[in-house]
Each structure stands twice: as structure tokens, then as C-alpha cells.
Amino acid sequence: QYAIAQKVRRNWAVPASAGPETRCSVRVTQLPGGEVVGVNIISCNGDDAVVRSVEAAVWAASPLPLPADPSLFERSLSLEFAPTE
């Protein structure tokens, strides 16, 4: 899941309104090939710009990297976002 988080974060254009205390949790649904088919914000203490930027980052990272071991694939996973990470 580390590779997935890294790819998504590389696609995240952090808005100026995101402060050091901003935290967002996202539920991502993907197909077996890594294609993102759903992005749901679980919680986020940022404004609308932060929420939209997090959603856009996940969609832009599709297809997500697949695990080396196919048995470790998760159709649904959670990601945490913080501008300082």
C-alpha cells in the first residue's frame, strides 16, 4: 500500500488553504487491474478546495500500482492525506 500512497501523493496539488493540521481520510475502490472506480472522503478537516484536490489526486493516480503478490490485492483501501507528509 506504500507504493499506492506514494503515487497518489505525487499527484496531489496541495491547495494554499491546506494548513499543517489538515488531515483527510479517503476510501478508494479499485478494480483488479488497479483502475480506480470510486473515491469517497471519509473525513476531512480541510475546505472544499482541499477535498476536491484529494479526490483529483486519487483519480489522477489511476491505475494504482499492484502488489507484487496478487493475494495482497485489496479492492477497497483507505488512504490518509496530510500536507506535511
N, C-alpha and C. Protein backbone atom coordinates (compact mmCIF):
# COMPACT_ATOMS: atom_id res chain seq x y z
N GLN A 1 0.83 -1.20 0.00
CA GLN A 1 0.00 0.00 0.00
C GLN A 1 0.87 1.26 0.00
N TYR A 2 2.13 1.11 0.39
CA TYR A 2 3.04 2.26 0.39
C TYR A 2 3.20 2.83 -1.02
N ALA A 3 3.34 1.95 -2.02
CA ALA A 3 3.51 2.40 -3.40
C ALA A 3 2.27 3.15 -3.89
N ILE A 4 1.11 2.69 -3.48
CA ILE A 4 -0.13 3.37 -3.85
C ILE A 4 -0.17 4.77 -3.25
N ALA A 5 0.12 4.86 -1.95
CA ALA A 5 0.10 6.16 -1.28
C ALA A 5 1.10 7.12 -1.91
N GLN A 6 2.28 6.63 -2.26
CA GLN A 6 3.30 7.48 -2.87
C GLN A 6 2.84 8.00 -4.23
N LYS A 7 2.24 7.15 -5.04
CA LYS A 7 1.78 7.58 -6.36
C LYS A 7 0.68 8.63 -6.23
N VAL A 8 -0.25 8.41 -5.31
CA VAL A 8 -1.34 9.37 -5.13
C VAL A 8 -0.78 10.71 -4.64
N ARG A 9 0.14 10.68 -3.68
CA ARG A 9 0.69 11.93 -3.14
C ARG A 9 1.46 12.71 -4.20
N ARG A 10 2.12 12.00 -5.13
CA ARG A 10 2.83 12.69 -6.21
C ARG A 10 1.86 13.45 -7.11
N ASN A 11 0.61 13.00 -7.15
CA ASN A 11 -0.42 13.64 -7.98
C ASN A 11 -1.22 14.70 -7.21
N TRP A 12 -0.92 14.91 -5.93
CA TRP A 12 -1.70 15.83 -5.12
C TRP A 12 -1.14 17.24 -5.22
N ALA A 13 -1.91 18.13 -5.81
CA ALA A 13 -1.58 19.55 -5.85
C ALA A 13 -2.20 20.17 -4.59
N VAL A 14 -1.39 20.29 -3.55
CA VAL A 14 -1.89 20.76 -2.25
C VAL A 14 -2.30 22.23 -2.37
N PRO A 15 -3.58 22.54 -2.09
CA PRO A 15 -4.02 23.93 -2.19
C PRO A 15 -3.46 24.78 -1.05
N ALA A 16 -3.39 26.07 -1.28
CA ALA A 16 -2.84 27.01 -0.29
C ALA A 16 -3.64 26.99 1.01
N SER A 17 -4.92 26.60 0.93
CA SER A 17 -5.77 26.60 2.12
C SER A 17 -5.48 25.42 3.05
N ALA A 18 -4.65 24.48 2.61
CA ALA A 18 -4.32 23.32 3.45
C ALA A 18 -3.22 23.71 4.42
N GLY A 19 -3.55 23.67 5.71
CA GLY A 19 -2.58 24.01 6.74
C GLY A 19 -1.90 22.77 7.26
N PRO A 20 -0.91 22.93 8.14
CA PRO A 20 -0.17 21.78 8.67
C PRO A 20 -1.04 20.82 9.47
N GLU A 21 -2.19 21.28 9.94
CA GLU A 21 -3.08 20.42 10.73
C GLU A 21 -4.13 19.72 9.88
N THR A 22 -4.13 19.96 8.57
CA THR A 22 -5.12 19.36 7.69
C THR A 22 -4.93 17.86 7.59
N ARG A 23 -6.01 17.12 7.74
CA ARG A 23 -6.00 15.66 7.63
C ARG A 23 -7.25 15.22 6.87
N CYS A 24 -7.04 14.33 5.90
CA CYS A 24 -8.16 13.78 5.15
C CYS A 24 -8.00 12.27 5.04
N SER A 25 -9.09 11.55 5.27
CA SER A 25 -9.12 10.11 5.09
C SER A 25 -10.02 9.81 3.90
N VAL A 26 -9.54 8.91 3.03
CA VAL A 26 -10.25 8.61 1.80
C VAL A 26 -10.39 7.11 1.64
N ARG A 27 -11.57 6.67 1.19
CA ARG A 27 -11.79 5.26 0.84
C ARG A 27 -11.73 5.18 -0.68
N VAL A 28 -10.85 4.32 -1.18
CA VAL A 28 -10.65 4.14 -2.62
C VAL A 28 -11.11 2.74 -3.02
N THR A 29 -11.90 2.66 -4.08
CA THR A 29 -12.32 1.37 -4.62
C THR A 29 -11.65 1.20 -5.97
N GLN A 30 -11.03 0.03 -6.16
CA GLN A 30 -10.30 -0.22 -7.40
C GLN A 30 -10.65 -1.59 -7.98
N LEU A 31 -10.43 -1.71 -9.29
CA LEU A 31 -10.61 -2.99 -9.97
C LEU A 31 -9.31 -3.79 -9.85
N PRO A 32 -9.35 -5.09 -10.14
CA PRO A 32 -8.14 -5.92 -10.02
C PRO A 32 -6.94 -5.41 -10.82
N GLY A 33 -7.15 -4.64 -11.87
CA GLY A 33 -6.03 -4.08 -12.64
C GLY A 33 -5.50 -2.78 -12.07
N GLY A 34 -6.07 -2.32 -10.95
CA GLY A 34 -5.62 -1.08 -10.34
C GLY A 34 -6.41 0.15 -10.75
N GLU A 35 -7.39 -0.01 -11.64
CA GLU A 35 -8.18 1.13 -12.08
C GLU A 35 -9.09 1.61 -10.96
N VAL A 36 -9.03 2.90 -10.66
CA VAL A 36 -9.86 3.49 -9.62
C VAL A 36 -11.29 3.63 -10.14
N VAL A 37 -12.25 3.13 -9.36
CA VAL A 37 -13.66 3.23 -9.75
C VAL A 37 -14.49 3.98 -8.72
N GLY A 38 -13.87 4.35 -7.60
CA GLY A 38 -14.60 5.09 -6.58
C GLY A 38 -13.67 5.79 -5.63
N VAL A 39 -14.03 7.03 -5.28
CA VAL A 39 -13.27 7.82 -4.31
C VAL A 39 -14.28 8.45 -3.36
N ASN A 40 -14.20 8.10 -2.08
CA ASN A 40 -15.12 8.64 -1.09
C ASN A 40 -14.34 9.24 0.07
N ILE A 41 -14.61 10.49 0.38
CA ILE A 41 -13.98 11.15 1.52
C ILE A 41 -14.64 10.62 2.79
N ILE A 42 -13.86 10.03 3.67
CA ILE A 42 -14.38 9.53 4.95
C ILE A 42 -14.45 10.68 5.94
N SER A 43 -13.36 11.42 6.04
CA SER A 43 -13.33 12.60 6.90
C SER A 43 -12.27 13.54 6.38
N CYS A 44 -12.48 14.84 6.56
CA CYS A 44 -11.51 15.83 6.12
C CYS A 44 -11.80 17.13 6.86
N ASN A 45 -10.77 17.69 7.49
CA ASN A 45 -10.96 18.96 8.18
C ASN A 45 -10.53 20.14 7.32
N GLY A 46 -10.31 19.89 6.01
CA GLY A 46 -9.97 20.97 5.09
C GLY A 46 -11.22 21.53 4.43
N ASP A 47 -11.03 22.60 3.67
CA ASP A 47 -12.16 23.22 2.97
C ASP A 47 -12.46 22.47 1.67
N ASP A 48 -13.39 23.01 0.87
CA ASP A 48 -13.80 22.35 -0.38
C ASP A 48 -12.63 22.17 -1.34
N ALA A 49 -11.72 23.14 -1.38
CA ALA A 49 -10.57 23.05 -2.28
C ALA A 49 -9.69 21.87 -1.91
N VAL A 50 -9.52 21.63 -0.62
CA VAL A 50 -8.71 20.50 -0.16
C VAL A 50 -9.40 19.20 -0.54
N VAL A 51 -10.69 19.11 -0.28
CA VAL A 51 -11.45 17.89 -0.61
C VAL A 51 -11.35 17.60 -2.10
N ARG A 52 -11.58 18.61 -2.93
CA ARG A 52 -11.51 18.41 -4.39
C ARG A 52 -10.11 18.00 -4.83
N SER A 53 -9.08 18.58 -4.21
CA SER A 53 -7.70 18.26 -4.60
C SER A 53 -7.34 16.82 -4.24
N VAL A 54 -7.84 16.34 -3.10
CA VAL A 54 -7.59 14.96 -2.68
C VAL A 54 -8.28 14.00 -3.65
N GLU A 55 -9.54 14.27 -3.96
CA GLU A 55 -10.26 13.42 -4.91
C GLU A 55 -9.55 13.40 -6.26
N ALA A 56 -9.14 14.56 -6.74
CA ALA A 56 -8.47 14.65 -8.04
C ALA A 56 -7.15 13.88 -8.04
N ALA A 57 -6.43 13.90 -6.93
CA ALA A 57 -5.15 13.19 -6.84
C ALA A 57 -5.35 11.68 -6.98
N VAL A 58 -6.39 11.16 -6.34
CA VAL A 58 -6.65 9.72 -6.42
C VAL A 58 -7.03 9.34 -7.85
N TRP A 59 -7.92 10.11 -8.47
CA TRP A 59 -8.33 9.80 -9.85
C TRP A 59 -7.13 9.90 -10.79
N ALA A 60 -6.27 10.89 -10.59
CA ALA A 60 -5.10 11.08 -11.47
C ALA A 60 -4.09 9.95 -11.33
N ALA A 61 -4.07 9.29 -10.17
CA ALA A 61 -3.11 8.21 -9.93
C ALA A 61 -3.55 6.88 -10.52
N SER A 62 -4.76 6.82 -11.07
CA SER A 62 -5.27 5.59 -11.65
C SER A 62 -4.58 5.31 -12.99
N PRO A 63 -4.16 4.06 -13.25
CA PRO A 63 -4.29 2.88 -12.41
C PRO A 63 -3.25 2.88 -11.29
N LEU A 64 -3.68 2.36 -10.15
CA LEU A 64 -2.81 2.29 -8.98
C LEU A 64 -1.83 1.13 -9.14
N PRO A 65 -0.65 1.25 -8.51
CA PRO A 65 0.32 0.14 -8.57
C PRO A 65 -0.25 -1.12 -7.93
N LEU A 66 0.05 -2.25 -8.52
CA LEU A 66 -0.43 -3.52 -8.00
C LEU A 66 0.62 -4.15 -7.08
N PRO A 67 0.19 -4.88 -6.07
CA PRO A 67 1.16 -5.53 -5.19
C PRO A 67 1.92 -6.63 -5.94
N ALA A 68 3.15 -6.88 -5.53
CA ALA A 68 3.95 -7.95 -6.15
C ALA A 68 3.26 -9.30 -5.97
N ASP A 69 2.61 -9.47 -4.85
CA ASP A 69 1.88 -10.71 -4.56
C ASP A 69 0.38 -10.44 -4.79
N PRO A 70 -0.21 -11.02 -5.85
CA PRO A 70 -1.62 -10.76 -6.16
C PRO A 70 -2.57 -11.07 -5.00
N SER A 71 -2.19 -11.95 -4.09
CA SER A 71 -3.08 -12.27 -2.97
C SER A 71 -3.21 -11.10 -2.00
N LEU A 72 -2.33 -10.11 -2.10
CA LEU A 72 -2.39 -8.94 -1.22
C LEU A 72 -3.28 -7.83 -1.77
N PHE A 73 -3.83 -8.03 -2.99
CA PHE A 73 -4.69 -7.01 -3.60
C PHE A 73 -5.91 -6.74 -2.73
N GLU A 74 -6.23 -5.47 -2.55
CA GLU A 74 -7.43 -5.06 -1.81
C GLU A 74 -8.30 -4.22 -2.73
N ARG A 75 -9.54 -4.63 -2.92
CA ARG A 75 -10.45 -3.87 -3.78
C ARG A 75 -10.78 -2.51 -3.16
N SER A 76 -10.86 -2.49 -1.85
CA SER A 76 -11.18 -1.25 -1.14
C SER A 76 -10.06 -0.97 -0.15
N LEU A 77 -9.55 0.25 -0.17
CA LEU A 77 -8.49 0.60 0.76
C LEU A 77 -8.67 2.04 1.23
N SER A 78 -8.03 2.34 2.35
CA SER A 78 -8.10 3.68 2.93
C SER A 78 -6.74 4.36 2.80
N LEU A 79 -6.78 5.65 2.48
CA LEU A 79 -5.56 6.46 2.40
C LEU A 79 -5.72 7.67 3.29
N GLU A 80 -4.62 8.10 3.88
CA GLU A 80 -4.60 9.29 4.72
C GLU A 80 -3.82 10.38 4.01
N PHE A 81 -4.33 11.61 4.05
CA PHE A 81 -3.65 12.74 3.44
C PHE A 81 -3.33 13.79 4.48
N ALA A 82 -2.11 14.30 4.43
CA ALA A 82 -1.69 15.42 5.27
C ALA A 82 -0.62 16.16 4.48
N PRO A 83 -0.71 17.48 4.38
CA PRO A 83 0.23 18.23 3.53
C PRO A 83 1.69 18.13 3.98
N THR A 84 1.94 17.78 5.22
CA THR A 84 3.31 17.72 5.71
C THR A 84 3.97 16.37 5.45
N GLU A 85 3.23 15.40 4.94
CA GLU A 85 3.81 14.06 4.70
C GLU A 85 4.40 13.97 3.31
